[in-house]
Amino acid sequence: MLTDSRSHDGKVSGGVNKEGVGYYNNLINELLANGIQPFVALFHWDLPQALEDVYGGFLSPRIVDDFREYAEVCFKEFGYRVKHWITLNEPWSYTTSGYASGVAPPGRCSDWQKRNCSGGDSGVEPYLVAHHLLLAHAISVKLYRQKYQATQKGMIGVSLNAAWYVPVSNATHQQNAASRAMDFIFGWFMEPITIGNYPHTMLSLVGNRLPKFNKTQAEILRGSFDFLGLNYYTASYAADAPKINVGKPSFLTDTRTTISSERNGIPIGPKTGTSWIRMYPRGIRSILLYVKKKYNNPLIYVTENGVGDTYKNTSSPLKEALVDKGRIECLRRHLLSLQSAIKDGVNVKGYFAWSLLDNFEWGDGYTVRFGLNFVDYKDGLKRYPKLSANWFKNFLKKQT
């Protein structure tokens, strides 16, 4: 969207990429022409390489103003047609995968973790990156509200990971472990945009490695969302691990909690076609009720929910892919659980199945398919509706 170039003194300069604006204008217009209301995510981990090269991207406070500038271009160009803006999609995933475990770009983590990273500090950098992500979010929301919202009549929010953690037993210390896990995945971002500070558990366990918000920053953060997007896929068991962080600090052990998909050899839910997803539909109800109680029942859109498939015959998976009865069962059960949460007063106004089409998955490339429609990557990207696409279409018709 913005073009970047580097000058001799290392500064980043550039302008608006008109071809990029044209592409998104065409996309938005086509969606609207077909009765589809766009929800636009400003940042889904696609940081311009120039900003990474010159000042380290989200490791630097310079990113906050650059992000605001980028957001304003989008508000100006598309705001009269886009009524729902999402500043960040899954900032937890971007932060932890890129700067704690190093499994995603820019691949940074502590050398002592022996994860073959390109440098970094897993005990410091994740918290610094998250801090700048939150400030970039808040300053963009402030800009939109002050300059564009009244005339464009839209809403702005953020989409957060919403995994659910079940304590391995009812013992108090195990329940506390599950609560800590929730703070480190969800409260880390939700607490600042609600009250202007990090969760008490993080302040206590992370200490001076956790950046601080000044008074002005806290005020900008507090209440900086019109709606909350929740992405839910799976749940895990959480167990207390008080000695897990002995030695060098890392975000990966700061929670003093062990996460597992099994308890006493029994899985939390059935396996799916995606290695990291166990089907646990009640988790979506649990997280929604948790948010309702703890964060004053905000307006919520479930912005991602679904399951992926992998196939034995990878050279020709079409026949196998189209009969995706497992995905239908997953969607059906999650929607029933979602309905139960709504009946209990949770303020959910929308649901997005992930995803319309098979697509590139960050950790799995094209090997895992989340789409309700099959994409043939070897034959001109032709699309074929799976059973789930027809099921979902019929489901939606029944709701109107």
Protein backbone atom coordinates (compact mmCIF):
# COMPACT_ATOMS: atom_id res chain seq x y z
CA MET A 1 0.00 0.00 0.00
CA LEU A 2 2.89 2.35 0.82
CA THR A 3 6.06 2.25 -1.25
CA ASP A 4 9.33 2.48 0.67
CA SER A 5 12.87 3.33 -0.31
CA ARG A 6 16.04 3.80 1.74
CA SER A 7 18.15 6.92 1.53
CA HIS A 8 21.91 7.09 2.16
CA ASP A 9 21.38 7.95 5.84
CA GLY A 10 19.15 4.93 6.44
CA LYS A 11 15.88 6.82 6.64
CA VAL A 12 12.78 5.36 5.04
CA SER A 13 10.93 7.47 2.53
CA GLY A 14 8.24 6.73 0.01
CA GLY A 15 4.70 7.42 -1.06
CA VAL A 16 1.39 5.81 -1.75
CA ASN A 17 1.42 2.85 -4.12
CA LYS A 18 -1.33 3.76 -6.56
CA GLU A 19 -1.44 0.25 -8.01
CA GLY A 20 -2.02 -1.10 -4.52
CA VAL A 21 -4.83 1.38 -3.92
CA GLY A 22 -6.37 0.43 -7.25
CA TYR A 23 -6.24 -3.27 -6.40
CA TYR A 24 -8.08 -2.80 -3.13
CA ASN A 25 -10.54 -0.34 -4.66
CA ASN A 26 -11.50 -3.00 -7.20
CA LEU A 27 -11.75 -5.67 -4.53
CA ILE A 28 -13.92 -3.58 -2.20
CA ASN A 29 -16.17 -2.43 -5.03
CA GLU A 30 -16.65 -6.01 -6.22
CA LEU A 31 -17.53 -7.18 -2.73
CA LEU A 32 -20.09 -4.41 -2.27
CA ALA A 33 -21.56 -5.06 -5.72
CA ASN A 34 -22.22 -8.63 -4.60
CA GLY A 35 -23.78 -7.71 -1.28
CA ILE A 36 -20.70 -8.55 0.80
CA GLN A 37 -19.73 -6.19 3.60
CA PRO A 38 -15.93 -6.02 3.95
CA PHE A 39 -14.16 -6.29 7.30
CA VAL A 40 -10.67 -4.97 6.61
CA ALA A 41 -7.60 -6.00 8.64
CA LEU A 42 -4.87 -3.38 8.42
CA PHE A 43 -2.09 -5.67 9.64
CA HIS A 44 -1.89 -9.43 9.19
CA TRP A 45 1.87 -9.70 9.81
CA ASP A 46 2.85 -8.29 6.39
CA LEU A 47 5.48 -5.78 7.54
CA PRO A 48 7.30 -3.94 4.72
CA GLN A 49 10.84 -5.30 4.50
CA ALA A 50 12.28 -1.78 4.34
CA LEU A 51 11.00 -1.03 7.85
CA GLU A 52 12.48 -4.27 9.13
CA ASP A 53 15.84 -3.52 7.50
CA VAL A 54 16.18 0.11 8.59
CA TYR A 55 15.00 0.07 12.20
CA GLY A 56 13.88 -3.44 13.11
CA GLY A 57 10.16 -3.08 12.46
CA PHE A 58 8.05 -3.50 15.59
CA LEU A 59 11.14 -3.66 17.78
CA SER A 60 11.38 0.11 17.36
CA PRO A 61 8.98 2.82 18.59
CA ARG A 62 9.37 4.42 15.14
CA ILE A 63 6.88 1.85 13.84
CA VAL A 64 4.02 3.52 15.73
CA ASP A 65 3.97 6.69 13.63
CA ASP A 66 4.61 4.77 10.41
CA PHE A 67 1.67 2.49 11.18
CA ARG A 68 -0.56 5.49 11.85
CA GLU A 69 0.46 7.01 8.52
CA TYR A 70 -0.37 3.77 6.73
CA ALA A 71 -3.72 3.50 8.54
CA GLU A 72 -4.63 7.03 7.52
CA VAL A 73 -4.02 6.25 3.85
CA CYS A 74 -6.46 3.35 4.18
CA PHE A 75 -9.07 5.44 6.00
CA LYS A 76 -8.83 8.16 3.33
CA GLU A 77 -8.95 5.86 0.35
CA PHE A 78 -11.48 3.25 1.48
CA GLY A 79 -13.26 4.54 4.57
CA TYR A 80 -16.49 5.63 2.89
CA ARG A 81 -17.06 2.05 1.77
CA VAL A 82 -15.45 0.10 4.63
CA LYS A 83 -17.52 0.16 7.81
CA HIS A 84 -15.49 -2.29 9.91
CA TRP A 85 -11.76 -1.84 10.46
CA ILE A 86 -9.50 -4.30 12.29
CA THR A 87 -6.16 -2.76 13.22
CA LEU A 88 -4.30 -6.00 14.03
CA ASN A 89 -5.03 -9.64 13.39
CA GLU A 90 -3.71 -12.01 16.07
CA PRO A 91 -0.92 -9.85 17.50
CA TRP A 92 -0.12 -12.70 19.93
CA SER A 93 0.75 -15.05 17.05
CA TYR A 94 2.88 -12.43 15.30
CA THR A 95 4.72 -11.60 18.50
CA THR A 96 5.37 -15.06 19.92
CA SER A 97 6.09 -16.85 16.64
CA GLY A 98 8.38 -14.11 15.36
CA TYR A 99 10.22 -13.13 18.54
CA ALA A 100 9.87 -15.91 21.16
CA SER A 101 9.98 -19.25 19.34
CA GLY A 102 11.33 -17.83 16.07
CA VAL A 103 9.25 -20.13 13.87
CA ALA A 104 7.82 -17.24 11.82
CA PRO A 105 9.36 -14.09 10.31
CA PRO A 106 11.54 -12.39 11.34
CA GLY A 107 12.66 -15.58 13.08
CA ARG A 108 14.14 -14.11 16.23
CA CYS A 109 14.68 -15.83 19.58
CA SER A 110 17.35 -16.41 22.22
CA ASP A 111 20.36 -18.42 21.07
CA TRP A 112 20.31 -20.59 24.19
CA GLN A 113 16.93 -21.99 23.16
CA LYS A 114 18.74 -23.67 20.22
CA ARG A 115 15.95 -22.97 17.74
CA ASN A 116 18.20 -21.84 14.88
CA CYS A 117 17.11 -18.21 15.07
CA SER A 118 18.67 -15.16 13.44
CA GLY A 119 19.36 -13.41 16.77
CA GLY A 120 17.06 -12.01 19.41
CA ASP A 121 16.06 -12.28 23.06
CA SER A 122 12.97 -14.36 23.86
CA GLY A 123 12.71 -12.86 27.33
CA VAL A 124 12.60 -9.23 26.15
CA GLU A 125 11.72 -8.77 22.49
CA PRO A 126 8.21 -10.33 22.52
CA TYR A 127 7.10 -7.85 25.17
CA LEU A 128 8.68 -4.91 23.33
CA VAL A 129 7.03 -5.87 20.03
CA ALA A 130 3.64 -6.35 21.70
CA HIS A 131 4.02 -2.96 23.37
CA HIS A 132 4.56 -1.23 20.04
CA LEU A 133 1.74 -3.19 18.40
CA LEU A 134 -0.63 -1.99 21.11
CA LEU A 135 0.50 1.63 20.75
CA ALA A 136 0.18 1.45 16.95
CA HIS A 137 -3.34 0.08 17.41
CA ALA A 138 -4.34 2.74 19.91
CA ILE A 139 -2.99 5.72 17.98
CA SER A 140 -4.71 4.51 14.80
CA VAL A 141 -8.02 4.12 16.63
CA LYS A 142 -7.64 7.63 18.05
CA LEU A 143 -6.96 9.00 14.57
CA TYR A 144 -9.99 7.24 13.09
CA ARG A 145 -12.31 8.42 15.84
CA GLN A 146 -11.14 12.01 15.76
CA LYS A 147 -10.89 12.51 12.02
CA TYR A 148 -12.97 9.95 10.11
CA GLN A 149 -15.56 8.10 12.14
CA ALA A 150 -18.20 10.83 12.29
CA THR A 151 -18.36 11.23 8.51
CA GLN A 152 -17.56 7.69 7.42
CA LYS A 153 -19.80 6.13 10.08
CA GLY A 154 -17.71 3.02 10.58
CA MET A 155 -16.35 1.02 13.50
CA ILE A 156 -12.84 0.01 14.47
CA GLY A 157 -11.51 -2.84 16.58
CA VAL A 158 -8.89 -5.58 16.84
CA SER A 159 -8.89 -9.37 16.40
CA LEU A 160 -7.27 -11.44 19.15
CA ASN A 161 -6.43 -15.11 19.57
CA ALA A 162 -8.99 -16.79 21.78
CA ALA A 163 -7.68 -20.22 22.70
CA TRP A 164 -9.22 -21.74 25.82
CA TYR A 165 -7.29 -23.36 28.65
CA VAL A 166 -8.79 -26.03 30.89
CA PRO A 167 -7.08 -26.69 34.26
CA VAL A 168 -5.87 -30.28 34.63
CA SER A 169 -7.80 -30.49 37.90
CA ASN A 170 -10.04 -28.39 40.13
CA ALA A 171 -7.18 -27.70 42.52
CA THR A 172 -6.69 -23.99 43.11
CA HIS A 173 -3.10 -23.94 41.87
CA GLN A 174 -4.16 -25.64 38.61
CA GLN A 175 -7.02 -23.19 38.10
CA ASN A 176 -4.54 -20.36 38.67
CA ALA A 177 -2.26 -21.89 36.02
CA ALA A 178 -5.09 -21.85 33.47
CA SER A 179 -5.87 -18.25 34.43
CA ARG A 180 -2.23 -17.26 33.89
CA ALA A 181 -2.24 -18.93 30.49
CA MET A 182 -5.30 -16.88 29.53
CA ASP A 183 -3.60 -13.69 30.68
CA PHE A 184 -0.50 -14.41 28.60
CA ILE A 185 -2.41 -15.17 25.38
CA PHE A 186 -5.48 -12.95 25.66
CA GLY A 187 -5.20 -10.55 28.58
CA TRP A 188 -1.80 -9.41 27.30
CA PHE A 189 -3.63 -7.43 24.60
CA MET A 190 -7.17 -7.21 25.97
CA GLU A 191 -6.25 -5.72 29.35
CA PRO A 192 -4.37 -2.70 27.91
CA ILE A 193 -7.16 -1.77 25.48
CA THR A 194 -9.70 -2.13 28.29
CA ILE A 195 -8.01 -0.61 31.35
CA GLY A 196 -4.74 0.80 29.98
CA ASN A 197 -2.31 -1.64 31.60
CA TYR A 198 -1.08 -5.22 31.47
CA PRO A 199 -2.55 -8.06 33.59
CA HIS A 200 -1.29 -8.25 37.18
CA THR A 201 0.09 -11.75 36.56
CA MET A 202 2.30 -10.46 33.76
CA LEU A 203 3.45 -7.45 35.79
CA SER A 204 4.42 -9.82 38.58
CA LEU A 205 6.06 -12.61 36.56
CA VAL A 206 7.77 -10.58 33.84
CA GLY A 207 8.81 -7.64 36.00
CA ASN A 208 11.15 -5.07 34.47
CA ARG A 209 11.24 -6.92 31.16
CA LEU A 210 7.66 -5.76 30.57
CA PRO A 211 7.56 -2.21 29.11
CA LYS A 212 5.46 0.41 30.86
CA PHE A 213 2.78 2.68 29.46
CA ASN A 214 3.02 6.31 30.44
CA LYS A 215 -0.11 8.20 31.50
CA THR A 216 -0.87 9.53 28.01
CA GLN A 217 -0.40 6.12 26.40
CA ALA A 218 -2.64 4.47 28.98
CA GLU A 219 -5.39 7.00 28.28
CA ILE A 220 -5.18 6.43 24.53
CA LEU A 221 -5.26 2.65 24.99
CA ARG A 222 -8.16 2.57 27.43
CA GLY A 223 -11.36 1.77 25.54
CA SER A 224 -9.62 1.79 22.13
CA PHE A 225 -12.06 -0.53 20.37
CA ASP A 226 -15.64 -0.35 19.14
CA PHE A 227 -15.79 -4.12 18.73
CA LEU A 228 -13.61 -7.09 19.55
CA GLY A 229 -12.74 -9.76 17.02
CA LEU A 230 -12.14 -13.25 18.43
CA ASN A 231 -10.33 -16.05 16.58
CA TYR A 232 -11.05 -19.45 18.12
CA TYR A 233 -9.84 -22.87 16.96
CA THR A 234 -8.93 -25.12 19.86
CA ALA A 235 -8.30 -25.64 23.56
CA SER A 236 -5.57 -27.16 25.73
CA TYR A 237 -5.02 -28.37 29.26
CA ALA A 238 -3.02 -26.12 31.57
CA ALA A 239 -0.95 -27.38 34.50
CA ASP A 240 0.99 -25.48 37.13
CA ALA A 241 4.77 -25.57 36.57
CA PRO A 242 6.36 -23.40 39.27
CA LYS A 243 9.95 -24.43 38.45
CA ILE A 244 9.70 -24.23 34.67
CA ASN A 245 11.41 -20.83 34.49
CA VAL A 246 14.55 -21.67 36.43
CA GLY A 247 17.50 -20.17 34.57
CA LYS A 248 17.34 -17.77 31.63
CA PRO A 249 14.03 -15.95 31.03
CA SER A 250 11.84 -16.53 27.99
CA PHE A 251 8.27 -15.70 27.13
CA LEU A 252 7.86 -19.42 26.43
CA THR A 253 8.27 -20.21 30.14
CA ASP A 254 7.19 -16.98 31.84
CA THR A 255 3.66 -18.27 32.44
CA ARG A 256 4.95 -21.00 34.82
CA THR A 257 2.38 -23.20 33.09
CA THR A 258 2.63 -26.36 31.01
CA ILE A 259 0.25 -26.61 28.06
CA SER A 260 -0.84 -29.96 26.63
CA SER A 261 -3.54 -31.40 24.38
CA GLU A 262 -3.87 -34.43 26.68
CA ARG A 263 -4.56 -35.17 30.34
CA ASN A 264 -3.54 -38.57 31.68
CA GLY A 265 -3.22 -39.77 28.11
CA ILE A 266 -6.75 -38.68 27.18
CA PRO A 267 -6.98 -35.92 24.51
CA ILE A 268 -9.01 -32.80 25.16
CA GLY A 269 -10.87 -33.40 21.90
CA PRO A 270 -10.81 -35.44 18.68
CA LYS A 271 -7.93 -35.01 16.26
CA THR A 272 -8.59 -32.99 13.11
CA GLY A 273 -6.85 -32.59 9.78
CA THR A 274 -4.71 -29.88 11.37
CA SER A 275 -2.04 -31.06 13.79
CA TRP A 276 -2.47 -28.21 16.28
CA ILE A 277 -6.28 -28.24 16.34
CA ARG A 278 -8.23 -30.56 18.63
CA MET A 279 -11.97 -30.16 18.20
CA TYR A 280 -13.31 -28.61 21.41
CA PRO A 281 -16.51 -26.73 20.56
CA ARG A 282 -17.41 -25.91 24.15
CA GLY A 283 -14.28 -23.77 24.25
CA ILE A 284 -15.84 -21.08 22.08
CA ARG A 285 -18.69 -20.75 24.56
CA SER A 286 -16.25 -20.70 27.48
CA ILE A 287 -14.08 -17.93 26.03
CA LEU A 288 -17.11 -15.82 25.12
CA LEU A 289 -18.57 -16.10 28.61
CA TYR A 290 -15.12 -15.32 30.02
CA VAL A 291 -14.91 -12.11 27.98
CA LYS A 292 -18.48 -11.16 28.92
CA LYS A 293 -17.76 -11.49 32.63
CA LYS A 294 -14.24 -10.09 32.79
CA TYR A 295 -14.39 -7.33 30.19
CA ASN A 296 -17.91 -5.91 30.54
CA ASN A 297 -19.58 -7.75 27.66
CA PRO A 298 -18.14 -5.94 24.63
CA LEU A 299 -19.53 -6.15 21.10
CA ILE A 300 -17.91 -9.24 19.55
CA TYR A 301 -17.44 -10.68 16.08
CA VAL A 302 -16.03 -14.20 15.83
CA THR A 303 -13.56 -13.35 13.08
CA GLU A 304 -12.07 -16.82 12.59
CA ASN A 305 -13.28 -20.34 13.37
CA GLY A 306 -12.76 -23.51 11.39
CA VAL A 307 -10.49 -26.45 10.72
CA GLY A 308 -7.96 -27.49 8.09
CA ASP A 309 -7.44 -30.74 6.20
CA THR A 310 -4.39 -32.57 4.94
CA TYR A 311 -4.65 -35.39 2.40
CA LYS A 312 -2.95 -38.71 1.83
CA ASN A 313 -2.94 -38.31 -1.95
CA THR A 314 -1.28 -34.90 -2.16
CA SER A 315 -0.78 -35.12 -5.93
CA SER A 316 -4.53 -35.24 -6.56
CA PRO A 317 -6.49 -34.38 -3.39
CA LEU A 318 -9.64 -33.04 -5.06
CA LYS A 319 -11.84 -36.13 -4.72
CA GLU A 320 -10.93 -36.61 -1.09
CA ALA A 321 -11.18 -32.90 -0.30
CA LEU A 322 -14.72 -32.34 -1.55
CA VAL A 323 -16.25 -34.77 0.94
CA ASP A 324 -15.31 -32.81 4.07
CA LYS A 325 -17.83 -34.18 6.55
CA GLY A 326 -15.44 -33.49 9.42
CA ARG A 327 -15.50 -29.77 8.67
CA ILE A 328 -19.29 -29.76 8.62
CA GLU A 329 -19.38 -31.43 12.03
CA CYS A 330 -16.83 -28.95 13.37
CA LEU A 331 -18.77 -25.93 12.13
CA ARG A 332 -22.11 -27.33 13.29
CA ARG A 333 -20.90 -28.02 16.82
CA HIS A 334 -19.14 -24.69 17.18
CA LEU A 335 -22.19 -22.81 15.96
CA LEU A 336 -24.37 -24.61 18.49
CA SER A 337 -21.94 -23.65 21.23
CA LEU A 338 -21.91 -20.08 19.94
CA GLN A 339 -25.70 -20.03 19.98
CA SER A 340 -25.63 -21.14 23.61
CA ALA A 341 -23.31 -18.26 24.52
CA ILE A 342 -25.59 -15.76 22.78
CA LYS A 343 -28.57 -17.12 24.73
CA ASP A 344 -26.53 -16.50 27.87
CA GLY A 345 -26.21 -12.83 26.98
CA VAL A 346 -22.88 -12.60 25.16
CA ASN A 347 -22.98 -9.69 22.71
CA VAL A 348 -21.94 -11.53 19.52
CA LYS A 349 -23.07 -9.89 16.29
CA GLY A 350 -21.26 -11.88 13.61
CA TYR A 351 -19.37 -15.07 12.74
CA PHE A 352 -16.76 -15.80 10.06
CA ALA A 353 -15.94 -19.38 9.08
CA TRP A 354 -12.25 -19.74 8.24
CA SER A 355 -12.11 -19.84 5.38
CA LEU A 356 -13.98 -19.17 2.14
CA LEU A 357 -11.11 -20.60 0.07
CA ASP A 358 -8.07 -22.78 0.59
CA ASN A 359 -5.17 -20.41 1.11
CA PHE A 360 -1.56 -20.02 2.16
CA GLU A 361 -1.17 -20.88 5.84
CA TRP A 362 1.76 -19.22 7.60
CA GLY A 363 3.27 -22.36 9.12
CA ASP A 364 2.05 -24.96 6.64
CA GLY A 365 2.08 -23.22 3.26
CA TYR A 366 -0.38 -24.87 0.89
CA THR A 367 -0.23 -28.29 2.56
CA VAL A 368 -3.20 -27.63 4.88
CA ARG A 369 -6.53 -26.53 3.44
CA PHE A 370 -9.02 -24.54 5.53
CA GLY A 371 -11.37 -23.56 2.71
CA LEU A 372 -15.04 -24.32 2.29
CA ASN A 373 -14.09 -24.21 -1.39
CA PHE A 374 -11.24 -26.21 -2.88
CA VAL A 375 -8.60 -24.30 -4.87
CA ASP A 376 -6.72 -26.28 -7.52
CA TYR A 377 -3.26 -24.76 -7.38
CA LYS A 378 -2.14 -26.84 -10.36
CA ASP A 379 -4.96 -25.87 -12.72
CA GLY A 380 -5.36 -22.13 -12.89
CA LEU A 381 -6.68 -21.78 -9.31
CA LYS A 382 -10.03 -23.28 -10.26
CA ARG A 383 -12.47 -23.46 -7.35
CA TYR A 384 -14.75 -26.33 -6.39
CA PRO A 385 -17.31 -26.13 -3.56
CA LYS A 386 -16.83 -28.75 -0.88
CA LEU A 387 -19.76 -30.34 0.95
CA SER A 388 -19.19 -27.81 3.72
CA ALA A 389 -19.79 -24.91 1.31
CA ASN A 390 -23.23 -26.24 0.43
CA TRP A 391 -23.98 -27.04 4.07
CA PHE A 392 -22.97 -23.55 5.17
CA LYS A 393 -25.00 -21.94 2.38
CA ASN A 394 -28.08 -23.88 3.44
CA PHE A 395 -27.43 -23.00 7.07
CA LEU A 396 -27.31 -19.29 6.25
CA LYS A 397 -30.53 -19.50 4.22
CA LYS A 398 -32.33 -20.98 7.21
CA GLN A 399 -31.25 -18.01 9.35
CA THR A 400 -32.77 -15.38 7.05
